[in-house]
Amino acid sequence: MASQAKKARSAKSAPVKKSRFSYIIEVVAELRKAHWPSRQEAVRLSLLVLLICVVVGGLLGGFDYLFYWLFNKVVLVG
């Protein structure tokens, strides 16, 4: 009786090996479930990302120039 329980436990814990083909089928099924944005939504969100990149780049460039200017005035006294 103990050997049957041991076999049942080892059978449950053994990983099930799937074929590569079944993996591809599962991937396609998951991609079909995903919400894909419309063309208008994708363009709008892309422009938003571009705008945010430009603003953040400008802020970082401004801070960089400010610190460069302060460093030259305070440390190099020039």
Protein backbone atom coordinates (compact mmCIF):
# COMPACT_ATOMS: atom_id res chain seq x y z
CA MET A 1 0.00 0.00 0.00
CA ALA A 2 2.82 2.39 0.80
CA SER A 3 4.49 1.67 -2.52
CA GLN A 4 1.29 2.60 -4.41
CA ALA A 5 1.11 5.94 -2.58
CA LYS A 6 4.77 6.57 -3.34
CA LYS A 7 4.23 5.84 -7.04
CA ALA A 8 1.16 8.11 -7.13
CA ARG A 9 3.15 10.95 -5.53
CA SER A 10 6.06 10.58 -7.92
CA ALA A 11 3.70 10.48 -10.90
CA LYS A 12 2.03 13.73 -9.82
CA SER A 13 5.29 15.60 -9.28
CA ALA A 14 6.86 14.56 -12.57
CA PRO A 15 6.72 17.46 -15.07
CA VAL A 16 4.63 16.89 -18.14
CA LYS A 17 6.74 17.35 -21.24
CA LYS A 18 4.90 19.22 -23.97
CA SER A 19 5.88 19.37 -27.58
CA ARG A 20 7.09 22.58 -29.21
CA PHE A 21 4.07 22.56 -31.47
CA SER A 22 1.64 22.67 -28.54
CA TYR A 23 3.63 25.58 -27.08
CA ILE A 24 3.16 27.58 -30.29
CA ILE A 25 -0.57 26.81 -30.29
CA GLU A 26 -0.83 28.07 -26.69
CA VAL A 27 1.07 31.25 -27.57
CA VAL A 28 -1.26 32.00 -30.48
CA ALA A 29 -4.28 31.38 -28.24
CA GLU A 30 -2.96 33.84 -25.63
CA LEU A 31 -2.23 36.46 -28.28
CA ARG A 32 -5.81 36.22 -29.50
CA LYS A 33 -7.06 36.86 -25.95
CA ALA A 34 -4.97 40.04 -25.64
CA HIS A 35 -6.51 43.48 -26.10
CA TRP A 36 -4.92 45.16 -29.10
CA PRO A 37 -5.27 48.95 -29.41
CA SER A 38 -6.91 50.53 -32.41
CA ARG A 39 -4.76 52.45 -34.89
CA GLN A 40 -5.98 55.79 -33.50
CA GLU A 41 -5.24 54.72 -29.94
CA ALA A 42 -1.75 53.48 -30.86
CA VAL A 43 -0.90 56.76 -32.65
CA ARG A 44 -2.21 58.84 -29.75
CA LEU A 45 -0.25 56.88 -27.16
CA SER A 46 2.91 56.95 -29.30
CA LEU A 47 2.69 60.73 -29.58
CA LEU A 48 2.18 60.96 -25.83
CA VAL A 49 5.33 58.92 -25.21
CA LEU A 50 7.28 61.09 -27.67
CA LEU A 51 6.06 64.28 -25.97
CA ILE A 52 7.00 62.98 -22.52
CA CYS A 53 10.47 62.00 -23.81
CA VAL A 54 11.01 65.50 -25.22
CA VAL A 55 9.85 67.18 -22.00
CA VAL A 56 11.96 64.96 -19.74
CA GLY A 57 14.95 65.37 -22.07
CA GLY A 58 14.52 69.15 -21.92
CA LEU A 59 14.32 69.12 -18.13
CA LEU A 60 17.39 66.93 -17.79
CA GLY A 61 19.29 69.08 -20.29
CA GLY A 62 18.27 72.22 -18.37
CA PHE A 63 19.40 70.75 -15.06
CA ASP A 64 22.65 69.61 -16.66
CA TYR A 65 23.35 73.10 -17.98
CA LEU A 66 22.40 74.67 -14.61
CA PHE A 67 24.77 72.41 -12.70
CA TYR A 68 27.52 72.99 -15.28
CA TRP A 69 27.08 76.75 -14.91
CA LEU A 70 27.03 76.55 -11.07
CA PHE A 71 30.13 74.35 -11.07
CA ASN A 72 32.01 76.82 -13.25
CA LYS A 73 30.93 79.82 -11.13
CA VAL A 74 31.50 78.28 -7.69
CA VAL A 75 34.35 75.82 -8.08
CA LEU A 76 36.35 77.25 -10.96
CA VAL A 77 35.50 80.89 -10.02
CA GLY A 78 35.32 82.01 -13.56
